[in-house]
Amino acid sequence: NENRPCRACLPAVRFLLERVQRGMTRGQVESAYRDRFSPDGVKNIDLNDTPSRGPVGAPIVIVEFADFECPACGAMRPVLDEVIAEHADKIRFFYKHFPLGMHQNAEKAARAAVAAMHQGKFWEMHHALFENQTQLSTENIEKLAQGIGLDLAKFRQDRDSEATADFVAKNR
C-alpha cells in the first residue's frame, strides 16, 4: 500500500500467503514470519577455517551443512557440483560438517575429512567419502586416505585428535 521499495516485501508476502493457505493460525503465521524475516533471527556463520572453493568475493556464497553418510546429501552432491561448475566465476562454496547421530559412520567420516584437510586434500577426501558413502567403515576410510596419497600416520593422529573432534562439533 505504501509503494516503497523493499527487497524482502514480495518474498515475505509469498511466505505469509503460503502459510495462511496451509491453514496455520494467526499466531503460527506471525511466529513463522518472525523466525524467517526478523533481523534478530539472522545468524552469522563463522567461515574461518572452513574448506571452500571458488573466487574470494564471489557474489554468491553457498554454505552447505552436510553428512557424508546421508543419502540426501549424496544425492545433492552432483547437483551442487554442476551448479558450481556452470557458475564457477560467481560462486564461493563452503562445506560445514553436520554428521547426524542416526548415521553410524558420519562422525568418523567428518573427522577423516578434517584430517585430510590438514594435509591439503580436503576436496579429494570429500569426493571420495561421498562416492563411497555406503562403505564408510574405519578400514575403508583409511583405504580412501591412502588412495588419495595421505600420510596415514599423520592422518590417523589428526583424525583421532581432540582438536579434530572439537572442529567437527563446532561446525555442527
N, C-alpha and C. Protein backbone atom coordinates (compact mmCIF):
# COMPACT_ATOMS: atom_id res chain seq x y z
N ASN A 1 0.80 -1.20 0.00
CA ASN A 1 0.00 0.00 0.00
C ASN A 1 0.84 1.26 0.00
N GLU A 2 2.01 1.19 0.62
CA GLU A 2 2.86 2.38 0.72
C GLU A 2 3.72 2.58 -0.52
N ASN A 3 3.79 1.58 -1.38
CA ASN A 3 4.55 1.65 -2.61
C ASN A 3 6.00 2.07 -2.38
N ARG A 4 6.64 1.46 -1.43
CA ARG A 4 8.04 1.76 -1.16
C ARG A 4 8.90 0.56 -1.57
N PRO A 5 10.13 0.83 -2.02
CA PRO A 5 10.98 -0.29 -2.44
C PRO A 5 11.40 -1.13 -1.22
N CYS A 6 11.26 -2.42 -1.35
CA CYS A 6 11.62 -3.32 -0.26
C CYS A 6 11.95 -4.68 -0.86
N ARG A 7 13.22 -5.07 -0.80
CA ARG A 7 13.62 -6.36 -1.38
C ARG A 7 12.96 -7.54 -0.69
N ALA A 8 12.66 -7.40 0.59
CA ALA A 8 12.09 -8.52 1.35
C ALA A 8 10.57 -8.57 1.28
N CYS A 9 9.92 -7.52 0.79
CA CYS A 9 8.46 -7.46 0.84
C CYS A 9 7.78 -8.57 0.04
N LEU A 10 8.13 -8.71 -1.21
CA LEU A 10 7.47 -9.73 -2.04
C LEU A 10 7.73 -11.13 -1.51
N PRO A 11 8.99 -11.50 -1.19
CA PRO A 11 9.20 -12.83 -0.59
C PRO A 11 8.43 -13.00 0.72
N ALA A 12 8.33 -11.96 1.52
CA ALA A 12 7.60 -12.05 2.80
C ALA A 12 6.12 -12.28 2.55
N VAL A 13 5.55 -11.59 1.58
CA VAL A 13 4.12 -11.76 1.27
C VAL A 13 3.87 -13.19 0.79
N ARG A 14 4.73 -13.69 -0.08
CA ARG A 14 4.57 -15.06 -0.58
C ARG A 14 4.68 -16.06 0.57
N PHE A 15 5.65 -15.84 1.43
CA PHE A 15 5.86 -16.68 2.61
C PHE A 15 4.61 -16.72 3.48
N LEU A 16 4.07 -15.54 3.78
CA LEU A 16 2.87 -15.44 4.62
C LEU A 16 1.66 -16.08 3.96
N LEU A 17 1.47 -15.79 2.68
CA LEU A 17 0.34 -16.34 1.94
C LEU A 17 0.36 -17.87 1.95
N GLU A 18 1.52 -18.44 1.74
CA GLU A 18 1.65 -19.90 1.73
C GLU A 18 1.24 -20.49 3.09
N ARG A 19 1.65 -19.85 4.17
CA ARG A 19 1.30 -20.35 5.49
C ARG A 19 -0.20 -20.20 5.79
N VAL A 20 -0.78 -19.10 5.36
CA VAL A 20 -2.22 -18.91 5.54
C VAL A 20 -2.98 -19.97 4.74
N GLN A 21 -2.53 -20.23 3.51
CA GLN A 21 -3.19 -21.23 2.67
C GLN A 21 -3.06 -22.63 3.27
N ARG A 22 -2.01 -22.89 4.02
CA ARG A 22 -1.84 -24.18 4.69
C ARG A 22 -2.76 -24.32 5.91
N GLY A 23 -3.39 -23.23 6.30
CA GLY A 23 -4.31 -23.28 7.42
C GLY A 23 -3.69 -22.99 8.78
N MET A 24 -2.52 -22.38 8.78
CA MET A 24 -1.89 -22.04 10.05
C MET A 24 -2.69 -20.95 10.76
N THR A 25 -2.64 -20.96 12.06
CA THR A 25 -3.32 -19.93 12.84
C THR A 25 -2.54 -18.62 12.73
N ARG A 26 -3.20 -17.54 13.15
CA ARG A 26 -2.55 -16.22 13.12
C ARG A 26 -1.25 -16.24 13.94
N GLY A 27 -1.30 -16.83 15.12
CA GLY A 27 -0.11 -16.90 15.97
C GLY A 27 1.00 -17.70 15.32
N GLN A 28 0.67 -18.81 14.65
CA GLN A 28 1.67 -19.62 13.96
C GLN A 28 2.30 -18.84 12.79
N VAL A 29 1.47 -18.14 12.06
CA VAL A 29 1.95 -17.35 10.92
C VAL A 29 2.88 -16.25 11.41
N GLU A 30 2.46 -15.55 12.46
CA GLU A 30 3.29 -14.47 12.99
C GLU A 30 4.62 -15.00 13.51
N SER A 31 4.59 -16.13 14.18
CA SER A 31 5.81 -16.73 14.69
C SER A 31 6.74 -17.15 13.55
N ALA A 32 6.17 -17.77 12.53
CA ALA A 32 6.96 -18.19 11.37
C ALA A 32 7.57 -16.97 10.67
N TYR A 33 6.79 -15.91 10.57
CA TYR A 33 7.29 -14.67 9.95
C TYR A 33 8.47 -14.10 10.74
N ARG A 34 8.31 -14.02 12.05
CA ARG A 34 9.41 -13.50 12.89
C ARG A 34 10.66 -14.38 12.74
N ASP A 35 10.46 -15.70 12.76
CA ASP A 35 11.60 -16.61 12.64
C ASP A 35 12.33 -16.44 11.32
N ARG A 36 11.59 -16.15 10.25
CA ARG A 36 12.19 -16.07 8.92
C ARG A 36 12.70 -14.67 8.56
N PHE A 37 12.00 -13.62 8.98
CA PHE A 37 12.32 -12.28 8.49
C PHE A 37 12.81 -11.30 9.54
N SER A 38 12.77 -11.64 10.80
CA SER A 38 13.21 -10.72 11.84
C SER A 38 14.73 -10.55 11.80
N PRO A 39 15.22 -9.32 11.88
CA PRO A 39 16.68 -9.11 11.94
C PRO A 39 17.31 -9.80 13.14
N ASP A 40 16.52 -10.00 14.20
CA ASP A 40 17.04 -10.70 15.37
C ASP A 40 17.30 -12.18 15.08
N GLY A 41 16.67 -12.70 14.04
CA GLY A 41 16.82 -14.10 13.69
C GLY A 41 18.01 -14.39 12.79
N VAL A 42 18.68 -13.35 12.34
CA VAL A 42 19.82 -13.55 11.44
C VAL A 42 20.98 -14.12 12.24
N LYS A 43 21.52 -15.20 11.75
CA LYS A 43 22.67 -15.84 12.39
C LYS A 43 23.84 -15.79 11.43
N ASN A 44 24.93 -15.25 11.88
CA ASN A 44 26.14 -15.23 11.06
C ASN A 44 26.84 -16.58 11.19
N ILE A 45 27.34 -17.06 10.10
CA ILE A 45 28.04 -18.33 10.06
C ILE A 45 29.53 -18.05 10.00
N ASP A 46 30.26 -18.58 10.97
CA ASP A 46 31.71 -18.41 11.00
C ASP A 46 32.32 -19.27 9.91
N LEU A 47 32.94 -18.64 8.93
CA LEU A 47 33.53 -19.36 7.81
C LEU A 47 35.05 -19.46 7.92
N ASN A 48 35.60 -18.98 9.02
CA ASN A 48 37.04 -19.12 9.23
C ASN A 48 37.40 -20.60 9.30
N ASP A 49 38.47 -20.96 8.66
CA ASP A 49 38.97 -22.35 8.65
C ASP A 49 37.99 -23.33 8.03
N THR A 50 37.03 -22.84 7.26
CA THR A 50 36.06 -23.70 6.60
C THR A 50 36.55 -24.00 5.18
N PRO A 51 36.60 -25.28 4.79
CA PRO A 51 37.02 -25.60 3.43
C PRO A 51 36.12 -24.88 2.42
N SER A 52 36.75 -24.30 1.42
CA SER A 52 35.98 -23.57 0.42
C SER A 52 36.63 -23.70 -0.94
N ARG A 53 35.85 -23.42 -1.94
CA ARG A 53 36.36 -23.33 -3.31
C ARG A 53 35.57 -22.26 -4.04
N GLY A 54 36.21 -21.68 -5.02
CA GLY A 54 35.60 -20.58 -5.75
C GLY A 54 36.26 -19.27 -5.40
N PRO A 55 35.99 -18.25 -6.19
CA PRO A 55 36.68 -16.97 -6.01
C PRO A 55 36.27 -16.23 -4.74
N VAL A 56 37.27 -15.69 -4.07
CA VAL A 56 37.01 -14.83 -2.91
C VAL A 56 36.25 -13.61 -3.42
N GLY A 57 35.24 -13.21 -2.71
CA GLY A 57 34.44 -12.05 -3.13
C GLY A 57 33.38 -12.38 -4.16
N ALA A 58 33.12 -13.67 -4.40
CA ALA A 58 32.09 -14.06 -5.37
C ALA A 58 30.74 -13.50 -4.90
N PRO A 59 29.87 -13.11 -5.83
CA PRO A 59 28.59 -12.54 -5.43
C PRO A 59 27.63 -13.54 -4.79
N ILE A 60 27.86 -14.84 -5.03
CA ILE A 60 27.00 -15.87 -4.45
C ILE A 60 27.85 -16.73 -3.52
N VAL A 61 27.37 -16.90 -2.30
CA VAL A 61 28.04 -17.75 -1.33
C VAL A 61 27.08 -18.86 -0.93
N ILE A 62 27.54 -20.09 -1.08
CA ILE A 62 26.75 -21.24 -0.67
C ILE A 62 27.49 -21.89 0.49
N VAL A 63 26.78 -22.12 1.59
CA VAL A 63 27.33 -22.84 2.73
C VAL A 63 26.49 -24.09 2.89
N GLU A 64 27.12 -25.22 2.68
CA GLU A 64 26.42 -26.50 2.82
C GLU A 64 26.78 -27.13 4.16
N PHE A 65 25.77 -27.52 4.91
CA PHE A 65 25.95 -28.32 6.11
C PHE A 65 25.55 -29.73 5.72
N ALA A 66 26.50 -30.67 5.74
CA ALA A 66 26.19 -32.00 5.22
C ALA A 66 26.85 -33.10 6.04
N ASP A 67 26.37 -34.30 5.77
CA ASP A 67 26.79 -35.53 6.42
C ASP A 67 27.22 -36.48 5.29
N PHE A 68 28.45 -36.98 5.36
CA PHE A 68 28.98 -37.83 4.29
C PHE A 68 28.20 -39.14 4.13
N GLU A 69 27.47 -39.56 5.14
CA GLU A 69 26.73 -40.82 5.07
C GLU A 69 25.26 -40.61 4.71
N CYS A 70 24.82 -39.39 4.62
CA CYS A 70 23.42 -39.06 4.37
C CYS A 70 23.07 -39.27 2.89
N PRO A 71 22.08 -40.11 2.59
CA PRO A 71 21.70 -40.33 1.19
C PRO A 71 21.22 -39.05 0.49
N ALA A 72 20.49 -38.20 1.19
CA ALA A 72 20.02 -36.95 0.58
C ALA A 72 21.20 -36.04 0.25
N CYS A 73 22.17 -35.97 1.16
CA CYS A 73 23.37 -35.15 0.90
C CYS A 73 24.13 -35.72 -0.29
N GLY A 74 24.22 -37.04 -0.37
CA GLY A 74 24.89 -37.68 -1.50
C GLY A 74 24.18 -37.42 -2.81
N ALA A 75 22.85 -37.41 -2.79
CA ALA A 75 22.07 -37.13 -3.99
C ALA A 75 22.23 -35.69 -4.43
N MET A 76 22.44 -34.80 -3.48
CA MET A 76 22.60 -33.38 -3.78
C MET A 76 23.98 -33.06 -4.36
N ARG A 77 24.95 -33.91 -4.06
CA ARG A 77 26.33 -33.67 -4.47
C ARG A 77 26.47 -33.36 -5.96
N PRO A 78 25.98 -34.21 -6.88
CA PRO A 78 26.15 -33.90 -8.30
C PRO A 78 25.43 -32.63 -8.74
N VAL A 79 24.31 -32.34 -8.10
CA VAL A 79 23.56 -31.13 -8.43
C VAL A 79 24.40 -29.90 -8.08
N LEU A 80 24.93 -29.88 -6.86
CA LEU A 80 25.78 -28.76 -6.43
C LEU A 80 27.02 -28.65 -7.31
N ASP A 81 27.65 -29.79 -7.60
CA ASP A 81 28.84 -29.77 -8.44
C ASP A 81 28.55 -29.16 -9.81
N GLU A 82 27.40 -29.51 -10.37
CA GLU A 82 27.02 -28.98 -11.68
C GLU A 82 26.77 -27.47 -11.63
N VAL A 83 26.04 -27.02 -10.62
CA VAL A 83 25.76 -25.59 -10.48
C VAL A 83 27.06 -24.80 -10.27
N ILE A 84 27.92 -25.33 -9.43
CA ILE A 84 29.19 -24.65 -9.15
C ILE A 84 30.06 -24.61 -10.40
N ALA A 85 30.09 -25.70 -11.16
CA ALA A 85 30.88 -25.73 -12.40
C ALA A 85 30.34 -24.75 -13.43
N GLU A 86 29.01 -24.67 -13.55
CA GLU A 86 28.40 -23.77 -14.54
C GLU A 86 28.60 -22.30 -14.20
N HIS A 87 28.75 -22.01 -12.92
CA HIS A 87 28.87 -20.61 -12.48
C HIS A 87 30.13 -20.43 -11.62
N ALA A 88 31.21 -21.06 -12.05
CA ALA A 88 32.44 -21.10 -11.26
C ALA A 88 32.98 -19.72 -10.90
N ASP A 89 32.75 -18.74 -11.76
CA ASP A 89 33.28 -17.40 -11.51
C ASP A 89 32.39 -16.58 -10.57
N LYS A 90 31.20 -17.12 -10.23
CA LYS A 90 30.24 -16.35 -9.43
C LYS A 90 29.93 -16.97 -8.08
N ILE A 91 30.42 -18.19 -7.83
CA ILE A 91 30.04 -18.90 -6.60
C ILE A 91 31.26 -19.23 -5.75
N ARG A 92 31.12 -18.95 -4.47
CA ARG A 92 32.09 -19.42 -3.46
C ARG A 92 31.34 -20.43 -2.62
N PHE A 93 31.86 -21.64 -2.56
CA PHE A 93 31.21 -22.75 -1.88
C PHE A 93 31.99 -23.13 -0.63
N PHE A 94 31.28 -23.23 0.50
CA PHE A 94 31.88 -23.63 1.78
C PHE A 94 31.21 -24.91 2.24
N TYR A 95 32.00 -25.78 2.85
CA TYR A 95 31.47 -27.05 3.38
C TYR A 95 31.60 -27.08 4.89
N LYS A 96 30.48 -27.31 5.57
CA LYS A 96 30.44 -27.45 7.03
C LYS A 96 30.02 -28.89 7.36
N HIS A 97 30.67 -29.45 8.34
CA HIS A 97 30.36 -30.82 8.78
C HIS A 97 29.12 -30.82 9.66
N PHE A 98 28.19 -31.70 9.34
CA PHE A 98 26.98 -31.85 10.14
C PHE A 98 26.63 -33.34 10.23
N PRO A 99 27.52 -34.12 10.88
CA PRO A 99 27.24 -35.56 10.99
C PRO A 99 26.01 -35.80 11.86
N LEU A 100 25.10 -36.58 11.34
CA LEU A 100 23.86 -36.89 12.04
C LEU A 100 24.04 -38.13 12.91
N GLY A 101 23.46 -38.09 14.10
CA GLY A 101 23.59 -39.19 15.04
C GLY A 101 23.05 -40.51 14.52
N MET A 102 22.07 -40.46 13.62
CA MET A 102 21.48 -41.69 13.09
C MET A 102 22.41 -42.42 12.12
N HIS A 103 23.47 -41.76 11.68
CA HIS A 103 24.40 -42.38 10.74
C HIS A 103 25.65 -42.83 11.49
N GLN A 104 25.82 -44.11 11.54
CA GLN A 104 26.85 -44.75 12.36
C GLN A 104 28.26 -44.27 12.03
N ASN A 105 28.54 -43.98 10.77
CA ASN A 105 29.90 -43.65 10.36
C ASN A 105 30.11 -42.18 10.04
N ALA A 106 29.10 -41.37 10.25
CA ALA A 106 29.17 -39.97 9.84
C ALA A 106 30.24 -39.18 10.59
N GLU A 107 30.32 -39.37 11.88
CA GLU A 107 31.30 -38.62 12.69
C GLU A 107 32.72 -38.98 12.27
N LYS A 108 33.01 -40.26 12.10
CA LYS A 108 34.38 -40.64 11.71
C LYS A 108 34.69 -40.19 10.28
N ALA A 109 33.69 -40.14 9.42
CA ALA A 109 33.92 -39.63 8.06
C ALA A 109 34.23 -38.13 8.11
N ALA A 110 33.50 -37.39 8.93
CA ALA A 110 33.77 -35.95 9.08
C ALA A 110 35.18 -35.73 9.62
N ARG A 111 35.56 -36.50 10.62
CA ARG A 111 36.92 -36.38 11.17
C ARG A 111 37.98 -36.73 10.14
N ALA A 112 37.69 -37.72 9.31
CA ALA A 112 38.63 -38.09 8.25
C ALA A 112 38.82 -36.95 7.27
N ALA A 113 37.73 -36.26 6.94
CA ALA A 113 37.83 -35.12 6.02
C ALA A 113 38.65 -34.00 6.63
N VAL A 114 38.49 -33.77 7.94
CA VAL A 114 39.28 -32.74 8.62
C VAL A 114 40.75 -33.14 8.62
N ALA A 115 41.01 -34.40 8.88
CA ALA A 115 42.40 -34.88 8.86
C ALA A 115 43.01 -34.71 7.47
N ALA A 116 42.24 -34.98 6.45
CA ALA A 116 42.72 -34.79 5.07
C ALA A 116 42.96 -33.30 4.80
N MET A 117 42.10 -32.45 5.36
CA MET A 117 42.27 -31.00 5.19
C MET A 117 43.63 -30.57 5.72
N HIS A 118 44.06 -31.15 6.83
CA HIS A 118 45.37 -30.79 7.41
C HIS A 118 46.53 -31.15 6.48
N GLN A 119 46.29 -32.04 5.53
CA GLN A 119 47.32 -32.40 4.55
C GLN A 119 47.02 -31.79 3.18
N GLY A 120 46.09 -30.83 3.14
CA GLY A 120 45.79 -30.13 1.89
C GLY A 120 44.98 -30.94 0.90
N LYS A 121 44.25 -31.95 1.37
CA LYS A 121 43.50 -32.81 0.46
C LYS A 121 42.03 -32.96 0.88
N PHE A 122 41.46 -31.88 1.40
CA PHE A 122 40.07 -31.95 1.84
C PHE A 122 39.15 -32.34 0.69
N TRP A 123 39.25 -31.63 -0.44
CA TRP A 123 38.28 -31.87 -1.51
C TRP A 123 38.43 -33.25 -2.13
N GLU A 124 39.65 -33.77 -2.14
CA GLU A 124 39.83 -35.15 -2.63
C GLU A 124 39.13 -36.14 -1.70
N MET A 125 39.27 -35.92 -0.38
CA MET A 125 38.62 -36.80 0.59
C MET A 125 37.11 -36.59 0.56
N HIS A 126 36.68 -35.37 0.46
CA HIS A 126 35.25 -35.04 0.34
C HIS A 126 34.64 -35.86 -0.80
N HIS A 127 35.26 -35.82 -1.95
CA HIS A 127 34.77 -36.54 -3.12
C HIS A 127 34.77 -38.05 -2.85
N ALA A 128 35.87 -38.56 -2.31
CA ALA A 128 35.99 -40.00 -2.05
C ALA A 128 34.94 -40.49 -1.05
N LEU A 129 34.70 -39.71 -0.01
CA LEU A 129 33.72 -40.11 1.00
C LEU A 129 32.30 -40.14 0.42
N PHE A 130 31.95 -39.14 -0.36
CA PHE A 130 30.62 -39.15 -0.97
C PHE A 130 30.48 -40.27 -2.00
N GLU A 131 31.53 -40.55 -2.73
CA GLU A 131 31.49 -41.62 -3.73
C GLU A 131 31.35 -43.00 -3.07
N ASN A 132 31.76 -43.11 -1.83
CA ASN A 132 31.76 -44.39 -1.13
C ASN A 132 30.89 -44.34 0.13
N GLN A 133 29.85 -43.53 0.13
CA GLN A 133 29.12 -43.24 1.36
C GLN A 133 28.42 -44.44 1.99
N THR A 134 28.27 -45.53 1.28
CA THR A 134 27.67 -46.72 1.89
C THR A 134 28.73 -47.66 2.45
N GLN A 135 30.01 -47.27 2.34
CA GLN A 135 31.11 -48.13 2.79
C GLN A 135 32.10 -47.31 3.60
N LEU A 136 31.63 -46.72 4.69
CA LEU A 136 32.47 -45.80 5.46
C LEU A 136 32.97 -46.40 6.78
N SER A 137 33.36 -47.66 6.74
CA SER A 137 33.99 -48.25 7.92
C SER A 137 35.36 -47.60 8.10
N THR A 138 35.92 -47.73 9.27
CA THR A 138 37.25 -47.17 9.53
C THR A 138 38.27 -47.72 8.54
N GLU A 139 38.21 -49.01 8.29
CA GLU A 139 39.14 -49.65 7.36
C GLU A 139 39.00 -49.07 5.95
N ASN A 140 37.78 -48.92 5.48
CA ASN A 140 37.57 -48.37 4.13
C ASN A 140 37.97 -46.91 4.04
N ILE A 141 37.71 -46.14 5.09
CA ILE A 141 38.13 -44.73 5.08
C ILE A 141 39.64 -44.63 5.01
N GLU A 142 40.34 -45.51 5.72
CA GLU A 142 41.80 -45.50 5.65
C GLU A 142 42.29 -45.87 4.25
N LYS A 143 41.60 -46.78 3.58
CA LYS A 143 41.95 -47.11 2.19
C LYS A 143 41.75 -45.90 1.29
N LEU A 144 40.67 -45.15 1.53
CA LEU A 144 40.44 -43.93 0.75
C LEU A 144 41.55 -42.92 1.00
N ALA A 145 41.94 -42.78 2.27
CA ALA A 145 43.02 -41.85 2.63
C ALA A 145 44.31 -42.24 1.92
N GLN A 146 44.60 -43.51 1.93
CA GLN A 146 45.81 -43.99 1.25
C GLN A 146 45.69 -43.75 -0.26
N GLY A 147 44.51 -43.99 -0.80
CA GLY A 147 44.28 -43.81 -2.24
C GLY A 147 44.45 -42.38 -2.72
N ILE A 148 44.22 -41.40 -1.86
CA ILE A 148 44.41 -40.01 -2.28
C ILE A 148 45.79 -39.48 -1.88
N GLY A 149 46.63 -40.39 -1.36
CA GLY A 149 48.01 -40.03 -1.10
C GLY A 149 48.30 -39.39 0.24
N LEU A 150 47.49 -39.66 1.25
CA LEU A 150 47.74 -39.08 2.56
C LEU A 150 48.79 -39.87 3.33
N ASP A 151 49.53 -39.19 4.18
CA ASP A 151 50.44 -39.82 5.13
C ASP A 151 49.53 -40.45 6.19
N LEU A 152 49.45 -41.79 6.22
CA LEU A 152 48.47 -42.46 7.09
C LEU A 152 48.75 -42.25 8.57
N ALA A 153 50.00 -42.20 8.97
CA ALA A 153 50.30 -41.98 10.39
C ALA A 153 49.78 -40.61 10.83
N LYS A 154 50.06 -39.59 10.03
CA LYS A 154 49.58 -38.25 10.35
C LYS A 154 48.06 -38.20 10.26
N PHE A 155 47.50 -38.85 9.25
CA PHE A 155 46.06 -38.91 9.08
C PHE A 155 45.39 -39.47 10.33
N ARG A 156 45.87 -40.61 10.80
CA ARG A 156 45.28 -41.25 11.99
C ARG A 156 45.40 -40.35 13.22
N GLN A 157 46.56 -39.73 13.37
CA GLN A 157 46.79 -38.86 14.52
C GLN A 157 45.82 -37.67 14.49
N ASP A 158 45.69 -37.04 13.32
CA ASP A 158 44.78 -35.90 13.19
C ASP A 158 43.32 -36.33 13.35
N ARG A 159 42.95 -37.42 12.73
CA ARG A 159 41.56 -37.92 12.79
C ARG A 159 41.13 -38.18 14.23
N ASP A 160 42.04 -38.72 15.02
CA ASP A 160 41.70 -39.13 16.38
C ASP A 160 41.95 -38.05 17.43
N SER A 161 42.39 -36.89 17.00
CA SER A 161 42.74 -35.83 17.96
C SER A 161 41.50 -35.13 18.52
N GLU A 162 41.67 -34.58 19.70
CA GLU A 162 40.59 -33.81 20.33
C GLU A 162 40.30 -32.54 19.53
N ALA A 163 41.34 -31.96 18.95
CA ALA A 163 41.16 -30.74 18.15
C ALA A 163 40.24 -31.01 16.95
N THR A 164 40.39 -32.17 16.32
CA THR A 164 39.53 -32.52 15.19
C THR A 164 38.10 -32.75 15.66
N ALA A 165 37.93 -33.44 16.78
CA ALA A 165 36.59 -33.65 17.33
C ALA A 165 35.93 -32.31 17.65
N ASP A 166 36.70 -31.38 18.21
CA ASP A 166 36.18 -30.05 18.53
C ASP A 166 35.80 -29.29 17.26
N PHE A 167 36.61 -29.42 16.20
CA PHE A 167 36.34 -28.73 14.94
C PHE A 167 35.00 -29.20 14.36
N VAL A 168 34.79 -30.51 14.35
CA VAL A 168 33.54 -31.06 13.82
C VAL A 168 32.36 -30.62 14.68
N ALA A 169 32.54 -30.65 16.00
CA ALA A 169 31.46 -30.25 16.91
C ALA A 169 31.12 -28.77 16.71
N LYS A 170 32.12 -27.93 16.50
CA LYS A 170 31.89 -26.51 16.27
C LYS A 170 31.12 -26.29 14.97
N ASN A 171 31.44 -27.06 13.92
CA ASN A 171 30.69 -26.97 12.67
C ASN A 171 29.24 -27.33 12.88
N ARG A 172 29.02 -28.39 13.62
CA ARG A 172 27.66 -28.85 13.86
C ARG A 172 26.88 -27.80 14.64
